[in-house]
Amino acid sequence: MSQEGRFCKIPLIRLLGAVTTELISSFTSTLESTMDWQGQKLAEHLMQLMLVSFAVVAFIVGYVLGSFQTMLLIYAAGVVLTSLIIIPNWPFFNRHPLNWLDSSEAEKHPKPQAANSGPKKKASKK
């Protein structure tokens, strides 16, 4: 391998790594900032359903065609499609927003204390 061929690949790998890191951090910050609890549950269920469905379809098609490469390509396409549906913070993931109590309201209403309703110990005589 020539010297220039070896050095041309290193900056490209670093550039791809930087771009990938930036995309993941932007998607993660978007996801963390506004998706509600019900949306997270829905996203997880959709992810599991889609990945298993694509795995089954990819296996069947790959088995029928006798092509491992076709099976991998179908599953990879399924992973990409699942990522495009799950990772962005779509509006249907935000149907049940949490309404937090304002700090001034929280000061007016003290936190309720837990009541002890369990059996009481008898005092022992010495």
N, C-alpha and C. Protein backbone atom coordinates (compact mmCIF):
# COMPACT_ATOMS: atom_id res chain seq x y z
N MET A 1 0.85 -1.18 0.00
CA MET A 1 0.00 0.00 0.00
C MET A 1 0.89 1.23 0.00
N SER A 2 0.55 2.20 -0.80
CA SER A 2 1.35 3.42 -0.88
C SER A 2 1.12 4.29 0.34
N GLN A 3 2.07 5.19 0.57
CA GLN A 3 1.99 6.07 1.73
C GLN A 3 0.80 7.02 1.63
N GLU A 4 0.55 7.55 0.44
CA GLU A 4 -0.55 8.52 0.33
C GLU A 4 -1.91 7.85 0.46
N GLY A 5 -2.06 6.61 0.05
CA GLY A 5 -3.33 5.90 0.22
C GLY A 5 -3.66 5.66 1.68
N ARG A 6 -2.64 5.42 2.48
CA ARG A 6 -2.85 5.18 3.90
C ARG A 6 -3.27 6.45 4.62
N PHE A 7 -2.69 7.58 4.29
CA PHE A 7 -2.98 8.82 4.98
C PHE A 7 -4.29 9.47 4.52
N CYS A 8 -4.79 9.14 3.37
CA CYS A 8 -6.04 9.72 2.88
C CYS A 8 -7.24 9.17 3.66
N LYS A 9 -7.16 7.96 4.15
CA LYS A 9 -8.29 7.33 4.82
C LYS A 9 -8.47 7.83 6.25
N ILE A 10 -7.40 8.21 6.92
CA ILE A 10 -7.49 8.60 8.32
C ILE A 10 -8.34 9.86 8.53
N PRO A 11 -8.13 10.97 7.77
CA PRO A 11 -9.00 12.14 7.97
C PRO A 11 -10.47 11.84 7.65
N LEU A 12 -10.72 10.99 6.68
CA LEU A 12 -12.09 10.65 6.34
C LEU A 12 -12.76 9.91 7.49
N ILE A 13 -12.04 9.00 8.13
CA ILE A 13 -12.59 8.27 9.27
C ILE A 13 -12.86 9.21 10.43
N ARG A 14 -11.93 10.14 10.68
CA ARG A 14 -12.15 11.12 11.74
C ARG A 14 -13.34 12.01 11.45
N LEU A 15 -13.50 12.43 10.18
CA LEU A 15 -14.63 13.27 9.80
C LEU A 15 -15.95 12.52 9.99
N LEU A 16 -15.99 11.26 9.56
CA LEU A 16 -17.20 10.46 9.74
C LEU A 16 -17.51 10.26 11.22
N GLY A 17 -16.49 10.05 12.03
CA GLY A 17 -16.70 9.90 13.47
C GLY A 17 -17.25 11.17 14.10
N ALA A 18 -16.72 12.32 13.69
CA ALA A 18 -17.20 13.60 14.23
C ALA A 18 -18.63 13.88 13.82
N VAL A 19 -18.95 13.61 12.55
CA VAL A 19 -20.32 13.84 12.07
C VAL A 19 -21.29 12.91 12.78
N THR A 20 -20.92 11.65 12.93
CA THR A 20 -21.79 10.69 13.62
C THR A 20 -22.01 11.10 15.07
N THR A 21 -20.96 11.52 15.76
CA THR A 21 -21.09 11.95 17.15
C THR A 21 -22.01 13.16 17.26
N GLU A 22 -21.88 14.10 16.34
CA GLU A 22 -22.72 15.31 16.37
C GLU A 22 -24.19 14.95 16.12
N LEU A 23 -24.44 14.07 15.17
CA LEU A 23 -25.83 13.67 14.89
C LEU A 23 -26.44 12.95 16.08
N ILE A 24 -25.70 12.05 16.69
CA ILE A 24 -26.22 11.31 17.84
C ILE A 24 -26.50 12.25 19.00
N SER A 25 -25.60 13.20 19.26
CA SER A 25 -25.82 14.12 20.38
C SER A 25 -27.00 15.04 20.12
N SER A 26 -27.21 15.48 18.87
CA SER A 26 -28.35 16.35 18.59
C SER A 26 -29.66 15.58 18.71
N PHE A 27 -29.69 14.32 18.21
CA PHE A 27 -30.89 13.52 18.35
C PHE A 27 -31.17 13.22 19.81
N THR A 28 -30.13 12.93 20.58
CA THR A 28 -30.30 12.60 21.99
C THR A 28 -30.81 13.80 22.77
N SER A 29 -30.27 14.98 22.52
CA SER A 29 -30.73 16.16 23.25
C SER A 29 -32.18 16.49 22.89
N THR A 30 -32.57 16.29 21.64
CA THR A 30 -33.96 16.51 21.24
C THR A 30 -34.87 15.51 21.93
N LEU A 31 -34.45 14.28 21.98
CA LEU A 31 -35.26 13.23 22.60
C LEU A 31 -35.41 13.46 24.09
N GLU A 32 -34.35 13.86 24.77
CA GLU A 32 -34.40 14.04 26.21
C GLU A 32 -35.21 15.27 26.60
N SER A 33 -35.27 16.26 25.76
CA SER A 33 -35.86 17.53 26.17
C SER A 33 -37.38 17.51 26.21
N THR A 34 -38.06 16.85 25.31
CA THR A 34 -39.50 17.02 25.25
C THR A 34 -40.34 15.76 25.18
N MET A 35 -39.78 14.60 24.98
CA MET A 35 -40.61 13.40 24.88
C MET A 35 -41.17 13.02 26.24
N ASP A 36 -42.49 12.78 26.29
CA ASP A 36 -43.11 12.44 27.56
C ASP A 36 -42.97 10.93 27.85
N TRP A 37 -43.43 10.54 29.04
CA TRP A 37 -43.27 9.14 29.47
C TRP A 37 -44.05 8.18 28.59
N GLN A 38 -45.26 8.55 28.23
CA GLN A 38 -46.07 7.69 27.37
C GLN A 38 -45.42 7.56 25.99
N GLY A 39 -44.82 8.66 25.51
CA GLY A 39 -44.13 8.63 24.22
C GLY A 39 -42.91 7.73 24.25
N GLN A 40 -42.19 7.74 25.36
CA GLN A 40 -41.03 6.85 25.48
C GLN A 40 -41.46 5.39 25.47
N LYS A 41 -42.56 5.10 26.15
CA LYS A 41 -43.08 3.73 26.17
C LYS A 41 -43.51 3.31 24.76
N LEU A 42 -44.20 4.21 24.06
CA LEU A 42 -44.63 3.92 22.69
C LEU A 42 -43.43 3.72 21.78
N ALA A 43 -42.41 4.56 21.92
CA ALA A 43 -41.22 4.45 21.09
C ALA A 43 -40.52 3.10 21.31
N GLU A 44 -40.43 2.68 22.56
CA GLU A 44 -39.78 1.40 22.85
C GLU A 44 -40.58 0.23 22.28
N HIS A 45 -41.91 0.27 22.41
CA HIS A 45 -42.73 -0.82 21.86
C HIS A 45 -42.62 -0.86 20.34
N LEU A 46 -42.66 0.32 19.69
CA LEU A 46 -42.53 0.37 18.24
C LEU A 46 -41.17 -0.18 17.80
N MET A 47 -40.12 0.21 18.51
CA MET A 47 -38.77 -0.25 18.16
C MET A 47 -38.69 -1.77 18.24
N GLN A 48 -39.17 -2.34 19.33
CA GLN A 48 -39.11 -3.79 19.49
C GLN A 48 -39.92 -4.50 18.41
N LEU A 49 -41.12 -4.01 18.15
CA LEU A 49 -41.99 -4.63 17.15
C LEU A 49 -41.36 -4.55 15.76
N MET A 50 -40.85 -3.38 15.40
CA MET A 50 -40.28 -3.21 14.06
C MET A 50 -39.01 -4.03 13.87
N LEU A 51 -38.12 -4.04 14.88
CA LEU A 51 -36.88 -4.80 14.72
C LEU A 51 -37.13 -6.30 14.62
N VAL A 52 -38.04 -6.81 15.43
CA VAL A 52 -38.35 -8.24 15.36
C VAL A 52 -39.03 -8.57 14.03
N SER A 53 -39.94 -7.70 13.57
CA SER A 53 -40.63 -7.94 12.29
C SER A 53 -39.64 -7.96 11.14
N PHE A 54 -38.73 -6.98 11.10
CA PHE A 54 -37.74 -6.95 10.04
C PHE A 54 -36.79 -8.15 10.13
N ALA A 55 -36.47 -8.59 11.32
CA ALA A 55 -35.60 -9.76 11.47
C ALA A 55 -36.28 -11.01 10.91
N VAL A 56 -37.57 -11.18 11.20
CA VAL A 56 -38.29 -12.35 10.70
C VAL A 56 -38.40 -12.29 9.18
N VAL A 57 -38.78 -11.13 8.65
CA VAL A 57 -38.91 -10.99 7.19
C VAL A 57 -37.56 -11.21 6.51
N ALA A 58 -36.51 -10.62 7.08
CA ALA A 58 -35.19 -10.78 6.48
C ALA A 58 -34.75 -12.24 6.50
N PHE A 59 -35.01 -12.94 7.58
CA PHE A 59 -34.62 -14.35 7.66
C PHE A 59 -35.37 -15.18 6.62
N ILE A 60 -36.68 -14.96 6.51
CA ILE A 60 -37.48 -15.75 5.56
C ILE A 60 -37.04 -15.48 4.13
N VAL A 61 -36.88 -14.22 3.76
CA VAL A 61 -36.46 -13.88 2.40
C VAL A 61 -35.06 -14.41 2.13
N GLY A 62 -34.16 -14.25 3.09
CA GLY A 62 -32.80 -14.76 2.91
C GLY A 62 -32.77 -16.27 2.78
N TYR A 63 -33.60 -16.95 3.53
CA TYR A 63 -33.65 -18.42 3.47
C TYR A 63 -34.21 -18.88 2.13
N VAL A 64 -35.32 -18.22 1.69
CA VAL A 64 -35.94 -18.63 0.42
C VAL A 64 -35.01 -18.37 -0.75
N LEU A 65 -34.35 -17.21 -0.75
CA LEU A 65 -33.44 -16.88 -1.85
C LEU A 65 -32.06 -17.52 -1.69
N GLY A 66 -31.77 -18.01 -0.49
CA GLY A 66 -30.46 -18.61 -0.24
C GLY A 66 -29.35 -17.58 -0.27
N SER A 67 -29.66 -16.37 0.20
CA SER A 67 -28.67 -15.30 0.14
C SER A 67 -28.52 -14.64 1.51
N PHE A 68 -27.35 -14.83 2.10
CA PHE A 68 -27.07 -14.19 3.39
C PHE A 68 -26.95 -12.68 3.22
N GLN A 69 -26.40 -12.25 2.09
CA GLN A 69 -26.23 -10.82 1.83
C GLN A 69 -27.60 -10.12 1.73
N THR A 70 -28.55 -10.74 1.07
CA THR A 70 -29.89 -10.16 0.96
C THR A 70 -30.54 -10.07 2.33
N MET A 71 -30.35 -11.09 3.15
CA MET A 71 -30.90 -11.07 4.49
C MET A 71 -30.32 -9.90 5.29
N LEU A 72 -29.02 -9.70 5.23
CA LEU A 72 -28.39 -8.61 5.95
C LEU A 72 -28.84 -7.25 5.43
N LEU A 73 -28.99 -7.11 4.13
CA LEU A 73 -29.43 -5.83 3.55
C LEU A 73 -30.86 -5.49 3.97
N ILE A 74 -31.72 -6.48 3.99
CA ILE A 74 -33.11 -6.24 4.41
C ILE A 74 -33.15 -5.84 5.88
N TYR A 75 -32.39 -6.53 6.71
CA TYR A 75 -32.38 -6.20 8.14
C TYR A 75 -31.75 -4.83 8.37
N ALA A 76 -30.69 -4.50 7.65
CA ALA A 76 -30.05 -3.18 7.78
C ALA A 76 -31.03 -2.08 7.37
N ALA A 77 -31.78 -2.31 6.31
CA ALA A 77 -32.79 -1.32 5.89
C ALA A 77 -33.85 -1.18 6.98
N GLY A 78 -34.21 -2.27 7.62
CA GLY A 78 -35.18 -2.22 8.71
C GLY A 78 -34.66 -1.43 9.90
N VAL A 79 -33.38 -1.59 10.21
CA VAL A 79 -32.78 -0.85 11.32
C VAL A 79 -32.76 0.64 11.00
N VAL A 80 -32.41 0.99 9.77
CA VAL A 80 -32.40 2.40 9.37
C VAL A 80 -33.81 2.98 9.42
N LEU A 81 -34.79 2.27 8.89
CA LEU A 81 -36.18 2.76 8.91
C LEU A 81 -36.68 2.90 10.35
N THR A 82 -36.37 1.93 11.19
CA THR A 82 -36.76 2.00 12.60
C THR A 82 -36.12 3.21 13.26
N SER A 83 -34.86 3.46 12.98
CA SER A 83 -34.18 4.62 13.55
C SER A 83 -34.81 5.93 13.10
N LEU A 84 -35.19 6.01 11.84
CA LEU A 84 -35.82 7.23 11.33
C LEU A 84 -37.19 7.47 11.95
N ILE A 85 -37.85 6.42 12.37
CA ILE A 85 -39.16 6.58 13.00
C ILE A 85 -39.03 6.82 14.50
N ILE A 86 -38.09 6.18 15.16
CA ILE A 86 -38.00 6.21 16.62
C ILE A 86 -37.15 7.37 17.14
N ILE A 87 -36.01 7.66 16.54
CA ILE A 87 -35.08 8.62 17.13
C ILE A 87 -35.59 10.06 17.11
N PRO A 88 -36.11 10.60 16.00
CA PRO A 88 -36.59 11.99 16.07
C PRO A 88 -37.78 12.13 17.01
N ASN A 89 -37.92 13.30 17.55
CA ASN A 89 -39.00 13.56 18.50
C ASN A 89 -40.26 13.98 17.75
N TRP A 90 -40.98 13.02 17.19
CA TRP A 90 -42.18 13.31 16.42
C TRP A 90 -43.30 13.76 17.35
N PRO A 91 -44.27 14.53 16.83
CA PRO A 91 -45.36 15.02 17.69
C PRO A 91 -46.20 13.92 18.32
N PHE A 92 -46.32 12.77 17.70
CA PHE A 92 -47.15 11.72 18.30
C PHE A 92 -46.49 11.10 19.52
N PHE A 93 -45.22 11.44 19.81
CA PHE A 93 -44.59 11.01 21.05
C PHE A 93 -44.84 11.99 22.19
N ASN A 94 -45.53 13.10 21.93
CA ASN A 94 -45.74 14.16 22.93
C ASN A 94 -47.22 14.43 23.17
N ARG A 95 -48.02 13.41 23.18
CA ARG A 95 -49.47 13.59 23.37
C ARG A 95 -49.87 13.77 24.83
N HIS A 96 -49.04 13.36 25.76
CA HIS A 96 -49.36 13.41 27.18
C HIS A 96 -48.28 14.18 27.94
N PRO A 97 -48.20 15.49 27.75
CA PRO A 97 -47.13 16.23 28.44
C PRO A 97 -47.38 16.29 29.94
N LEU A 98 -46.29 16.37 30.69
CA LEU A 98 -46.39 16.48 32.14
C LEU A 98 -46.58 17.94 32.52
N ASN A 99 -47.53 18.21 33.40
CA ASN A 99 -47.75 19.55 33.90
C ASN A 99 -47.11 19.65 35.27
N TRP A 100 -45.95 20.30 35.33
CA TRP A 100 -45.24 20.42 36.58
C TRP A 100 -45.83 21.55 37.40
N LEU A 101 -45.81 21.38 38.70
CA LEU A 101 -46.31 22.39 39.61
C LEU A 101 -45.32 23.54 39.68
N ASP A 102 -45.83 24.77 39.58
CA ASP A 102 -44.99 25.96 39.66
C ASP A 102 -44.34 26.02 41.05
N SER A 103 -43.13 26.54 41.13
CA SER A 103 -42.42 26.56 42.41
C SER A 103 -43.14 27.40 43.46
N SER A 104 -43.83 28.49 43.05
CA SER A 104 -44.57 29.30 44.02
C SER A 104 -45.78 28.51 44.56
N GLU A 105 -46.39 27.70 43.73
CA GLU A 105 -47.50 26.86 44.17
C GLU A 105 -47.01 25.74 45.09
N ALA A 106 -45.83 25.21 44.81
CA ALA A 106 -45.29 24.13 45.62
C ALA A 106 -45.00 24.61 47.04
N GLU A 107 -44.60 25.87 47.20
CA GLU A 107 -44.34 26.40 48.54
C GLU A 107 -45.63 26.59 49.33
N LYS A 108 -46.73 26.87 48.67
CA LYS A 108 -48.02 27.08 49.35
C LYS A 108 -48.59 25.78 49.88
N HIS A 109 -48.32 24.68 49.18
CA HIS A 109 -48.88 23.38 49.55
C HIS A 109 -47.74 22.48 50.02
N PRO A 110 -47.62 22.25 51.33
CA PRO A 110 -46.53 21.41 51.82
C PRO A 110 -46.69 19.95 51.39
N LYS A 111 -45.57 19.26 51.36
CA LYS A 111 -45.58 17.86 50.97
C LYS A 111 -46.32 17.04 52.02
N PRO A 112 -47.23 16.14 51.59
CA PRO A 112 -47.95 15.31 52.58
C PRO A 112 -47.00 14.35 53.28
N GLN A 113 -47.25 14.14 54.55
CA GLN A 113 -46.43 13.23 55.35
C GLN A 113 -47.05 11.83 55.32
N ALA A 114 -46.21 10.83 55.31
CA ALA A 114 -46.70 9.45 55.31
C ALA A 114 -47.24 9.11 56.70
N ALA A 115 -48.43 8.50 56.71
CA ALA A 115 -49.05 8.10 57.97
C ALA A 115 -48.60 6.70 58.33
N ASN A 116 -48.27 6.49 59.59
CA ASN A 116 -47.88 5.16 60.06
C ASN A 116 -49.14 4.40 60.47
N SER A 117 -49.55 3.45 59.66
CA SER A 117 -50.75 2.68 59.98
C SER A 117 -50.41 1.25 60.35
N GLY A 118 -49.13 0.95 60.51
CA GLY A 118 -48.70 -0.41 60.84
C GLY A 118 -48.94 -0.72 62.30
N PRO A 119 -48.69 -1.96 62.68
CA PRO A 119 -48.88 -2.35 64.10
C PRO A 119 -47.86 -1.63 64.98
N LYS A 120 -48.34 -1.25 66.13
CA LYS A 120 -47.47 -0.54 67.08
C LYS A 120 -46.87 -1.55 68.04
N LYS A 121 -45.61 -1.28 68.42
CA LYS A 121 -44.93 -2.16 69.37
C LYS A 121 -45.37 -1.82 70.79
N LYS A 122 -45.51 -2.86 71.57
CA LYS A 122 -45.86 -2.66 72.98
C LYS A 122 -44.60 -2.34 73.76
N ALA A 123 -44.75 -1.49 74.72
CA ALA A 123 -43.62 -1.15 75.58
C ALA A 123 -43.35 -2.34 76.50
N SER A 124 -42.13 -2.75 76.59
CA SER A 124 -41.79 -3.90 77.43
C SER A 124 -41.35 -3.40 78.80
N LYS A 125 -41.71 -4.18 79.81
CA LYS A 125 -41.35 -3.83 81.19
C LYS A 125 -40.06 -4.53 81.53
N LYS A 126 -39.21 -3.80 82.23
CA LYS A 126 -37.94 -4.40 82.67
C LYS A 126 -37.92 -4.60 84.13
